[in-house]
């Protein structure tokens, strides 16, 4: 792969990303109200995605083998507790991830 090939690949990806991000503003810009379906999806997709991520993260816990899912459960409790306290997803996810990594790497080794 030469330099021009790399350049055009990066340029194409950047252009598509820009168009995808600008598309809603081009279609619903100004005073036009989005359709109800778009508003409904805007309200429901984020919580559904978070629910799927939670299920994906917790699906492989084996409660019969050591460490009995404790790193996942403790870290999940940290995330939920911090989110209920601070109401900030970033301030709850980052410490929860750090907690999980510390538990897996050092405590439940």
C-alpha atoms as a PDB file:
ATOM      1  CA  UNK A   1       0.000   0.000   0.000  1.00  0.00           C
ATOM      2  CA  UNK A   2       1.555   3.270  -1.087  1.00  0.00           C
ATOM      3  CA  UNK A   3       1.192   6.766   0.324  1.00  0.00           C
ATOM      4  CA  UNK A   4      -1.544   7.882  -2.098  1.00  0.00           C
ATOM      5  CA  UNK A   5      -3.647   4.821  -1.374  1.00  0.00           C
ATOM      6  CA  UNK A   6      -3.435   5.558   2.359  1.00  0.00           C
ATOM      7  CA  UNK A   7      -4.271   9.212   1.768  1.00  0.00           C
ATOM      8  CA  UNK A   8      -7.386   8.421  -0.271  1.00  0.00           C
ATOM      9  CA  UNK A   9      -8.561   5.821   2.254  1.00  0.00           C
ATOM     10  CA  UNK A  10      -8.264   8.313   5.115  1.00  0.00           C
ATOM     11  CA  UNK A  11      -9.855  11.085   3.028  1.00  0.00           C
ATOM     12  CA  UNK A  12     -12.804   8.849   2.092  1.00  0.00           C
ATOM     13  CA  UNK A  13     -13.380   7.745   5.693  1.00  0.00           C
ATOM     14  CA  UNK A  14     -13.224  11.349   6.911  1.00  0.00           C
ATOM     15  CA  UNK A  15     -15.667  12.513   4.212  1.00  0.00           C
ATOM     16  CA  UNK A  16     -18.155   9.730   4.981  1.00  0.00           C
ATOM     17  CA  UNK A  17     -17.920  10.445   8.719  1.00  0.00           C
ATOM     18  CA  UNK A  18     -18.522  14.154   8.097  1.00  0.00           C
ATOM     19  CA  UNK A  19     -21.521  13.444   5.871  1.00  0.00           C
ATOM     20  CA  UNK A  20     -23.032  11.005   8.369  1.00  0.00           C
ATOM     21  CA  UNK A  21     -22.707  13.554  11.170  1.00  0.00           C
ATOM     22  CA  UNK A  22     -24.006  16.444   9.050  1.00  0.00           C
ATOM     23  CA  UNK A  23     -26.932  14.518   7.545  1.00  0.00           C
ATOM     24  CA  UNK A  24     -29.429  15.109  10.398  1.00  0.00           C
ATOM     25  CA  UNK A  25     -28.699  18.832  10.331  1.00  0.00           C
ATOM     26  CA  UNK A  26     -29.161  18.967   6.573  1.00  0.00           C
ATOM     27  CA  UNK A  27     -32.469  17.074   6.719  1.00  0.00           C
ATOM     28  CA  UNK A  28     -33.952  18.520   9.932  1.00  0.00           C
ATOM     29  CA  UNK A  29     -32.154  21.867  10.037  1.00  0.00           C
ATOM     30  CA  UNK A  30     -33.932  25.127  10.651  1.00  0.00           C
ATOM     31  CA  UNK A  31     -37.415  25.032  12.144  1.00  0.00           C
ATOM     32  CA  UNK A  32     -38.445  21.631  10.795  1.00  0.00           C
ATOM     33  CA  UNK A  33     -39.601  19.215  13.475  1.00  0.00           C
ATOM     34  CA  UNK A  34     -38.250  15.656  13.120  1.00  0.00           C
ATOM     35  CA  UNK A  35     -40.792  12.866  12.623  1.00  0.00           C
ATOM     36  CA  UNK A  36     -42.089  11.083  15.704  1.00  0.00           C
ATOM     37  CA  UNK A  37     -40.172   7.947  14.766  1.00  0.00           C
ATOM     38  CA  UNK A  38     -36.862   9.833  14.871  1.00  0.00           C
ATOM     39  CA  UNK A  39     -37.764  11.380  18.247  1.00  0.00           C
ATOM     40  CA  UNK A  40     -38.776   7.957  19.574  1.00  0.00           C
ATOM     41  CA  UNK A  41     -35.499   6.415  18.418  1.00  0.00           C
ATOM     42  CA  UNK A  42     -33.573   9.279  20.003  1.00  0.00           C
ATOM     43  CA  UNK A  43     -35.220   8.502  23.354  1.00  0.00           C
ATOM     44  CA  UNK A  44     -34.912   4.712  23.244  1.00  0.00           C
ATOM     45  CA  UNK A  45     -31.733   3.738  21.382  1.00  0.00           C
ATOM     46  CA  UNK A  46     -29.250   4.949  24.024  1.00  0.00           C
ATOM     47  CA  UNK A  47     -30.839   3.075  26.962  1.00  0.00           C
ATOM     48  CA  UNK A  48     -31.263  -0.027  24.787  1.00  0.00           C
ATOM     49  CA  UNK A  49     -27.594   0.108  23.770  1.00  0.00           C
ATOM     50  CA  UNK A  50     -26.520   0.454  27.412  1.00  0.00           C
ATOM     51  CA  UNK A  51     -28.739  -2.501  28.386  1.00  0.00           C
ATOM     52  CA  UNK A  52     -27.180  -4.637  25.639  1.00  0.00           C
ATOM     53  CA  UNK A  53     -23.684  -3.672  26.807  1.00  0.00           C
ATOM     54  CA  UNK A  54     -24.530  -4.643  30.387  1.00  0.00           C
ATOM     55  CA  UNK A  55     -25.867  -8.024  29.262  1.00  0.00           C
ATOM     56  CA  UNK A  56     -22.800  -8.561  27.057  1.00  0.00           C
ATOM     57  CA  UNK A  57     -20.410  -7.687  29.889  1.00  0.00           C
ATOM     58  CA  UNK A  58     -22.102  -9.902  32.451  1.00  0.00           C
ATOM     59  CA  UNK A  59     -23.063 -12.880  30.268  1.00  0.00           C
ATOM     60  CA  UNK A  60     -19.917 -14.944  30.884  1.00  0.00           C
ATOM     61  CA  UNK A  61     -19.893 -14.762  34.667  1.00  0.00           C
ATOM     62  CA  UNK A  62     -19.541 -18.210  36.186  1.00  0.00           C
ATOM     63  CA  UNK A  63     -20.873 -18.158  39.723  1.00  0.00           C
ATOM     64  CA  UNK A  64     -19.552 -21.675  40.444  1.00  0.00           C
ATOM     65  CA  UNK A  65     -15.847 -20.970  39.788  1.00  0.00           C
ATOM     66  CA  UNK A  66     -13.462 -18.705  41.649  1.00  0.00           C
ATOM     67  CA  UNK A  67     -13.679 -15.602  41.801  1.00  0.00           C
ATOM     68  CA  UNK A  68     -17.461 -16.215  41.491  1.00  0.00           C
ATOM     69  CA  UNK A  69     -18.066 -13.102  39.388  1.00  0.00           C
ATOM     70  CA  UNK A  70     -16.965 -10.768  42.171  1.00  0.00           C
ATOM     71  CA  UNK A  71     -14.861  -8.405  39.989  1.00  0.00           C
ATOM     72  CA  UNK A  72     -17.780  -7.862  37.615  1.00  0.00           C
ATOM     73  CA  UNK A  73     -20.362  -7.471  40.352  1.00  0.00           C
ATOM     74  CA  UNK A  74     -18.219  -5.137  42.486  1.00  0.00           C
ATOM     75  CA  UNK A  75     -17.353  -2.994  39.467  1.00  0.00           C
ATOM     76  CA  UNK A  76     -20.992  -2.892  38.377  1.00  0.00           C
ATOM     77  CA  UNK A  77     -21.969  -1.755  41.856  1.00  0.00           C
ATOM     78  CA  UNK A  78     -19.310   0.986  41.697  1.00  0.00           C
ATOM     79  CA  UNK A  79     -20.680   2.199  38.345  1.00  0.00           C
ATOM     80  CA  UNK A  80     -24.302   2.182  39.525  1.00  0.00           C
ATOM     81  CA  UNK A  81     -23.462   3.811  42.844  1.00  0.00           C
ATOM     82  CA  UNK A  82     -21.387   6.572  41.277  1.00  0.00           C
ATOM     83  CA  UNK A  83     -24.018   7.198  38.625  1.00  0.00           C
ATOM     84  CA  UNK A  84     -26.808   7.463  41.174  1.00  0.00           C
ATOM     85  CA  UNK A  85     -24.653   9.840  43.205  1.00  0.00           C
ATOM     86  CA  UNK A  86     -23.138  12.039  40.473  1.00  0.00           C
ATOM     87  CA  UNK A  87     -25.560  11.575  37.527  1.00  0.00           C
ATOM     88  CA  UNK A  88     -22.586  11.701  35.134  1.00  0.00           C
ATOM     89  CA  UNK A  89     -21.935   8.678  32.889  1.00  0.00           C
ATOM     90  CA  UNK A  90     -18.274   9.527  32.319  1.00  0.00           C
ATOM     91  CA  UNK A  91     -17.575   9.899  36.043  1.00  0.00           C
ATOM     92  CA  UNK A  92     -19.170   6.538  36.714  1.00  0.00           C
ATOM     93  CA  UNK A  93     -17.822   4.467  33.816  1.00  0.00           C
ATOM     94  CA  UNK A  94     -14.135   5.422  34.137  1.00  0.00           C
ATOM     95  CA  UNK A  95     -13.794   4.570  37.866  1.00  0.00           C
ATOM     96  CA  UNK A  96     -15.857   1.416  37.313  1.00  0.00           C
ATOM     97  CA  UNK A  97     -13.515   0.301  34.554  1.00  0.00           C
ATOM     98  CA  UNK A  98     -10.473   1.132  36.678  1.00  0.00           C
ATOM     99  CA  UNK A  99     -11.993  -0.791  39.590  1.00  0.00           C
ATOM    100  CA  UNK A 100     -12.559  -3.834  37.376  1.00  0.00           C
ATOM    101  CA  UNK A 101      -9.027  -3.747  35.988  1.00  0.00           C
ATOM    102  CA  UNK A 102      -7.500  -3.429  39.469  1.00  0.00           C
ATOM    103  CA  UNK A 103      -9.636  -6.287  40.785  1.00  0.00           C
ATOM    104  CA  UNK A 104      -8.831  -8.581  37.868  1.00  0.00           C
ATOM    105  CA  UNK A 105      -5.120  -7.772  37.688  1.00  0.00           C
ATOM    106  CA  UNK A 106      -4.181  -7.550  41.364  1.00  0.00           C
ATOM    107  CA  UNK A 107      -6.869  -8.726  43.767  1.00  0.00           C
ATOM    108  CA  UNK A 108      -8.489 -11.778  42.166  1.00  0.00           C
ATOM    109  CA  UNK A 109      -5.433 -13.043  40.314  1.00  0.00           C
END
